[in-house]
Amino acid sequence: MKRALKEAFRSICEDVAPGFDYVIIARPSLAEYIEKNRLETVSAMMRDLFRRANLIQEAD
C-alpha cells in the first residue's frame, strides 16, 4: 500500500502546489481497494482529493 501511494503521488507531484509538506494517511480499506483496482485509479482519486483542497493547478 505504501508503494502504491508513493507512485500515485509521484504521478501528480508536478501539478501539486509547491512549498508544502504532504502527509497521506490511508484508511485500512485502501489496501483492499488497491488490490482490486489499477494504480491509475488511485492516482486519479488522489488528484481529485488535491484538486478539491485547491492544492493542484490544472492547465486551462
PDB file of N, CA and C in Angstrom:
ATOM      1  N   MET A   1       0.823  -1.178   0.000  1.00  0.00           N
ATOM      2  CA  MET A   1       0.000   0.000   0.000  1.00  0.00           C
ATOM      3  C   MET A   1       0.876   1.254   0.000  1.00  0.00           C
ATOM      4  N   LYS A   2       1.943   1.231   0.752  1.00  0.00           N
ATOM      5  CA  LYS A   2       2.831   2.378   0.832  1.00  0.00           C
ATOM      6  C   LYS A   2       3.429   2.699  -0.542  1.00  0.00           C
ATOM      7  N   ARG A   3       3.858   1.670  -1.242  1.00  0.00           N
ATOM      8  CA  ARG A   3       4.437   1.856  -2.568  1.00  0.00           C
ATOM      9  C   ARG A   3       3.413   2.434  -3.531  1.00  0.00           C
ATOM     10  N   ALA A   4       2.193   1.940  -3.482  1.00  0.00           N
ATOM     11  CA  ALA A   4       1.138   2.421  -4.377  1.00  0.00           C
ATOM     12  C   ALA A   4       0.837   3.898  -4.115  1.00  0.00           C
ATOM     13  N   LEU A   5       0.802   4.301  -2.861  1.00  0.00           N
ATOM     14  CA  LEU A   5       0.555   5.703  -2.544  1.00  0.00           C
ATOM     15  C   LEU A   5       1.701   6.592  -3.014  1.00  0.00           C
ATOM     16  N   LYS A   6       2.939   6.119  -2.860  1.00  0.00           N
ATOM     17  CA  LYS A   6       4.089   6.879  -3.348  1.00  0.00           C
ATOM     18  C   LYS A   6       4.030   7.040  -4.862  1.00  0.00           C
ATOM     19  N   GLU A   7       3.711   5.962  -5.555  1.00  0.00           N
ATOM     20  CA  GLU A   7       3.612   6.019  -7.019  1.00  0.00           C
ATOM     21  C   GLU A   7       2.478   6.939  -7.454  1.00  0.00           C
ATOM     22  N   ALA A   8       1.367   6.883  -6.772  1.00  0.00           N
ATOM     23  CA  ALA A   8       0.238   7.750  -7.103  1.00  0.00           C
ATOM     24  C   ALA A   8       0.625   9.212  -6.907  1.00  0.00           C
ATOM     25  N   PHE A   9       1.326   9.528  -5.829  1.00  0.00           N
ATOM     26  CA  PHE A   9       1.748  10.910  -5.596  1.00  0.00           C
ATOM     27  C   PHE A   9       2.772  11.343  -6.636  1.00  0.00           C
ATOM     28  N   ARG A  10       3.694  10.472  -6.979  1.00  0.00           N
ATOM     29  CA  ARG A  10       4.696  10.826  -7.998  1.00  0.00           C
ATOM     30  C   ARG A  10       4.042  11.188  -9.328  1.00  0.00           C
ATOM     31  N   SER A  11       2.923  10.540  -9.633  1.00  0.00           N
ATOM     32  CA  SER A  11       2.263  10.814 -10.904  1.00  0.00           C
ATOM     33  C   SER A  11       1.595  12.191 -10.942  1.00  0.00           C
ATOM     34  N   ILE A  12       1.345  12.793  -9.776  1.00  0.00           N
ATOM     35  CA  ILE A  12       0.700  14.105  -9.748  1.00  0.00           C
ATOM     36  C   ILE A  12       1.596  15.195  -9.171  1.00  0.00           C
ATOM     37  N   CYS A  13       2.783  14.858  -8.683  1.00  0.00           N
ATOM     38  CA  CYS A  13       3.600  15.800  -7.915  1.00  0.00           C
ATOM     39  C   CYS A  13       3.972  17.064  -8.696  1.00  0.00           C
ATOM     40  N   GLU A  14       4.095  16.998 -10.016  1.00  0.00           N
ATOM     41  CA  GLU A  14       4.444  18.190 -10.789  1.00  0.00           C
ATOM     42  C   GLU A  14       3.320  19.218 -10.778  1.00  0.00           C
ATOM     43  N   ASP A  15       2.079  18.773 -10.545  1.00  0.00           N
ATOM     44  CA  ASP A  15       0.931  19.672 -10.554  1.00  0.00           C
ATOM     45  C   ASP A  15       0.538  20.166  -9.167  1.00  0.00           C
ATOM     46  N   VAL A  16       1.141  19.590  -8.134  1.00  0.00           N
ATOM     47  CA  VAL A  16       0.781  19.925  -6.758  1.00  0.00           C
ATOM     48  C   VAL A  16       1.495  21.221  -6.346  1.00  0.00           C
ATOM     49  N   ALA A  17       0.784  22.051  -5.589  1.00  0.00           N
ATOM     50  CA  ALA A  17       1.329  23.327  -5.131  1.00  0.00           C
ATOM     51  C   ALA A  17       2.635  23.109  -4.355  1.00  0.00           C
ATOM     52  N   PRO A  18       3.682  23.862  -4.716  1.00  0.00           N
ATOM     53  CA  PRO A  18       4.961  23.731  -4.011  1.00  0.00           C
ATOM     54  C   PRO A  18       4.937  24.461  -2.674  1.00  0.00           C
ATOM     55  N   GLY A  19       5.923  24.185  -1.854  1.00  0.00           N
ATOM     56  CA  GLY A  19       6.074  24.886  -0.588  1.00  0.00           C
ATOM     57  C   GLY A  19       5.351  24.256   0.586  1.00  0.00           C
ATOM     58  N   PHE A  20       4.821  23.055   0.380  1.00  0.00           N
ATOM     59  CA  PHE A  20       4.116  22.354   1.452  1.00  0.00           C
ATOM     60  C   PHE A  20       4.719  20.969   1.632  1.00  0.00           C
ATOM     61  N   ASP A  21       4.588  20.439   2.822  1.00  0.00           N
ATOM     62  CA  ASP A  21       4.892  19.036   3.081  1.00  0.00           C
ATOM     63  C   ASP A  21       3.548  18.328   3.158  1.00  0.00           C
ATOM     64  N   TYR A  22       3.437  17.210   2.479  1.00  0.00           N
ATOM     65  CA  TYR A  22       2.168  16.489   2.438  1.00  0.00           C
ATOM     66  C   TYR A  22       2.295  15.168   3.174  1.00  0.00           C
ATOM     67  N   VAL A  23       1.286  14.857   3.966  1.00  0.00           N
ATOM     68  CA  VAL A  23       1.211  13.588   4.683  1.00  0.00           C
ATOM     69  C   VAL A  23      -0.074  12.910   4.239  1.00  0.00           C
ATOM     70  N   ILE A  24       0.059  11.709   3.703  1.00  0.00           N
ATOM     71  CA  ILE A  24      -1.096  10.947   3.249  1.00  0.00           C
ATOM     72  C   ILE A  24      -1.382   9.878   4.303  1.00  0.00           C
ATOM     73  N   ILE A  25      -2.574   9.901   4.854  1.00  0.00           N
ATOM     74  CA  ILE A  25      -2.975   8.908   5.843  1.00  0.00           C
ATOM     75  C   ILE A  25      -4.076   8.065   5.211  1.00  0.00           C
ATOM     76  N   ALA A  26      -3.792   6.804   5.026  1.00  0.00           N
ATOM     77  CA  ALA A  26      -4.733   5.914   4.339  1.00  0.00           C
ATOM     78  C   ALA A  26      -5.563   5.127   5.347  1.00  0.00           C
ATOM     79  N   ARG A  27      -6.782   4.918   4.989  1.00  0.00           N
ATOM     80  CA  ARG A  27      -7.646   4.052   5.785  1.00  0.00           C
ATOM     81  C   ARG A  27      -7.307   2.601   5.473  1.00  0.00           C
ATOM     82  N   PRO A  28      -7.528   1.701   6.416  1.00  0.00           N
ATOM     83  CA  PRO A  28      -7.199   0.287   6.183  1.00  0.00           C
ATOM     84  C   PRO A  28      -7.899  -0.303   4.951  1.00  0.00           C
ATOM     85  N   SER A  29      -9.080   0.190   4.622  1.00  0.00           N
ATOM     86  CA  SER A  29      -9.797  -0.354   3.471  1.00  0.00           C
ATOM     87  C   SER A  29      -9.113  -0.028   2.143  1.00  0.00           C
ATOM     88  N   LEU A  30      -8.172   0.914   2.148  1.00  0.00           N
ATOM     89  CA  LEU A  30      -7.465   1.258   0.915  1.00  0.00           C
ATOM     90  C   LEU A  30      -6.642   0.091   0.394  1.00  0.00           C
ATOM     91  N   ALA A  31      -6.084  -0.709   1.270  1.00  0.00           N
ATOM     92  CA  ALA A  31      -5.276  -1.854   0.835  1.00  0.00           C
ATOM     93  C   ALA A  31      -6.093  -2.788  -0.048  1.00  0.00           C
ATOM     94  N   GLU A  32      -7.307  -3.069   0.352  1.00  0.00           N
ATOM     95  CA  GLU A  32      -8.181  -3.931  -0.449  1.00  0.00           C
ATOM     96  C   GLU A  32      -8.546  -3.255  -1.762  1.00  0.00           C
ATOM     97  N   TYR A  33      -8.805  -1.953  -1.706  1.00  0.00           N
ATOM     98  CA  TYR A  33      -9.156  -1.206  -2.916  1.00  0.00           C
ATOM     99  C   TYR A  33      -8.008  -1.247  -3.920  1.00  0.00           C
ATOM    100  N   ILE A  34      -6.784  -1.059  -3.452  1.00  0.00           N
ATOM    101  CA  ILE A  34      -5.614  -1.076  -4.340  1.00  0.00           C
ATOM    102  C   ILE A  34      -5.451  -2.441  -4.993  1.00  0.00           C
ATOM    103  N   GLU A  35      -5.712  -3.507  -4.260  1.00  0.00           N
ATOM    104  CA  GLU A  35      -5.606  -4.855  -4.825  1.00  0.00           C
ATOM    105  C   GLU A  35      -6.605  -5.075  -5.962  1.00  0.00           C
ATOM    106  N   LYS A  36      -7.786  -4.470  -5.846  1.00  0.00           N
ATOM    107  CA  LYS A  36      -8.842  -4.691  -6.834  1.00  0.00           C
ATOM    108  C   LYS A  36      -8.777  -3.723  -8.012  1.00  0.00           C
ATOM    109  N   ASN A  37      -8.135  -2.581  -7.851  1.00  0.00           N
ATOM    110  CA  ASN A  37      -8.128  -1.544  -8.877  1.00  0.00           C
ATOM    111  C   ASN A  37      -6.717  -1.240  -9.341  1.00  0.00           C
ATOM    112  N   ARG A  38      -6.652  -0.562 -10.438  1.00  0.00           N
ATOM    113  CA  ARG A  38      -5.355  -0.226 -11.016  1.00  0.00           C
ATOM    114  C   ARG A  38      -4.768   1.008 -10.338  1.00  0.00           C
ATOM    115  N   LEU A  39      -3.456   1.160 -10.442  1.00  0.00           N
ATOM    116  CA  LEU A  39      -2.765   2.303  -9.848  1.00  0.00           C
ATOM    117  C   LEU A  39      -3.281   3.616 -10.442  1.00  0.00           C
ATOM    118  N   GLU A  40      -3.664   3.613 -11.704  1.00  0.00           N
ATOM    119  CA  GLU A  40      -4.167   4.830 -12.333  1.00  0.00           C
ATOM    120  C   GLU A  40      -5.430   5.327 -11.632  1.00  0.00           C
ATOM    121  N   THR A  41      -6.249   4.395 -11.159  1.00  0.00           N
ATOM    122  CA  THR A  41      -7.464   4.768 -10.440  1.00  0.00           C
ATOM    123  C   THR A  41      -7.109   5.442  -9.120  1.00  0.00           C
ATOM    124  N   VAL A  42      -6.120   4.911  -8.433  1.00  0.00           N
ATOM    125  CA  VAL A  42      -5.677   5.505  -7.172  1.00  0.00           C
ATOM    126  C   VAL A  42      -5.090   6.891  -7.434  1.00  0.00           C
ATOM    127  N   SER A  43      -4.312   7.031  -8.507  1.00  0.00           N
ATOM    128  CA  SER A  43      -3.746   8.335  -8.866  1.00  0.00           C
ATOM    129  C   SER A  43      -4.846   9.341  -9.178  1.00  0.00           C
ATOM    130  N   ALA A  44      -5.873   8.926  -9.886  1.00  0.00           N
ATOM    131  CA  ALA A  44      -6.989   9.814 -10.218  1.00  0.00           C
ATOM    132  C   ALA A  44      -7.725  10.250  -8.960  1.00  0.00           C
ATOM    133  N   MET A  45      -7.902   9.332  -8.026  1.00  0.00           N
ATOM    134  CA  MET A  45      -8.564   9.677  -6.771  1.00  0.00           C
ATOM    135  C   MET A  45      -7.718  10.669  -5.965  1.00  0.00           C
ATOM    136  N   MET A  46      -6.406  10.466  -5.959  1.00  0.00           N
ATOM    137  CA  MET A  46      -5.525  11.366  -5.231  1.00  0.00           C
ATOM    138  C   MET A  46      -5.533  12.748  -5.895  1.00  0.00           C
ATOM    139  N   ARG A  47      -5.511  12.785  -7.227  1.00  0.00           N
ATOM    140  CA  ARG A  47      -5.566  14.054  -7.950  1.00  0.00           C
ATOM    141  C   ARG A  47      -6.862  14.798  -7.590  1.00  0.00           C
ATOM    142  N   ASP A  48      -7.969  14.078  -7.551  1.00  0.00           N
ATOM    143  CA  ASP A  48      -9.248  14.695  -7.216  1.00  0.00           C
ATOM    144  C   ASP A  48      -9.232  15.246  -5.790  1.00  0.00           C
ATOM    145  N   LEU A  49      -8.652  14.501  -4.871  1.00  0.00           N
ATOM    146  CA  LEU A  49      -8.553  14.945  -3.484  1.00  0.00           C
ATOM    147  C   LEU A  49      -7.751  16.245  -3.382  1.00  0.00           C
ATOM    148  N   PHE A  50      -6.611  16.299  -4.061  1.00  0.00           N
ATOM    149  CA  PHE A  50      -5.781  17.504  -4.033  1.00  0.00           C
ATOM    150  C   PHE A  50      -6.482  18.663  -4.744  1.00  0.00           C
ATOM    151  N   ARG A  51      -7.209  18.370  -5.807  1.00  0.00           N
ATOM    152  CA  ARG A  51      -7.945  19.414  -6.533  1.00  0.00           C
ATOM    153  C   ARG A  51      -9.025  20.014  -5.616  1.00  0.00           C
ATOM    154  N   ARG A  52      -9.771  19.164  -4.907  1.00  0.00           N
ATOM    155  CA  ARG A  52     -10.819  19.655  -4.002  1.00  0.00           C
ATOM    156  C   ARG A  52     -10.234  20.492  -2.871  1.00  0.00           C
ATOM    157  N   ALA A  53      -8.971  20.237  -2.498  1.00  0.00           N
ATOM    158  CA  ALA A  53      -8.303  21.002  -1.449  1.00  0.00           C
ATOM    159  C   ALA A  53      -7.605  22.252  -2.023  1.00  0.00           C
ATOM    160  N   ASN A  54      -7.812  22.498  -3.328  1.00  0.00           N
ATOM    161  CA  ASN A  54      -7.184  23.644  -4.025  1.00  0.00           C
ATOM    162  C   ASN A  54      -5.660  23.603  -3.942  1.00  0.00           C
ATOM    163  N   LEU A  55      -5.097  22.412  -4.051  1.00  0.00           N
ATOM    164  CA  LEU A  55      -3.645  22.244  -4.000  1.00  0.00           C
ATOM    165  C   LEU A  55      -3.066  21.798  -5.338  1.00  0.00           C
ATOM    166  N   ILE A  56      -3.902  21.764  -6.366  1.00  0.00           N
ATOM    167  CA  ILE A  56      -3.444  21.390  -7.715  1.00  0.00           C
ATOM    168  C   ILE A  56      -3.804  22.508  -8.669  1.00  0.00           C
ATOM    169  N   GLN A  57      -2.840  22.842  -9.482  1.00  0.00           N
ATOM    170  CA  GLN A  57      -3.057  23.837 -10.523  1.00  0.00           C
ATOM    171  C   GLN A  57      -3.247  23.109 -11.832  1.00  0.00           C
ATOM    172  N   GLU A  58      -4.444  23.139 -12.361  1.00  0.00           N
ATOM    173  CA  GLU A  58      -4.743  22.483 -13.644  1.00  0.00           C
ATOM    174  C   GLU A  58      -4.497  23.468 -14.774  1.00  0.00           C
ATOM    175  N   ALA A  59      -3.912  22.980 -15.846  1.00  0.00           N
ATOM    176  CA  ALA A  59      -3.713  23.816 -17.038  1.00  0.00           C
ATOM    177  C   ALA A  59      -5.062  24.010 -17.723  1.00  0.00           C
ATOM    178  N   ASP A  60      -5.345  25.250 -18.099  1.00  0.00           N
ATOM    179  CA  ASP A  60      -6.616  25.541 -18.771  1.00  0.00           C
ATOM    180  C   ASP A  60      -6.544  25.266 -20.246  1.00  0.00           C
TER     181      ASP A  60
END
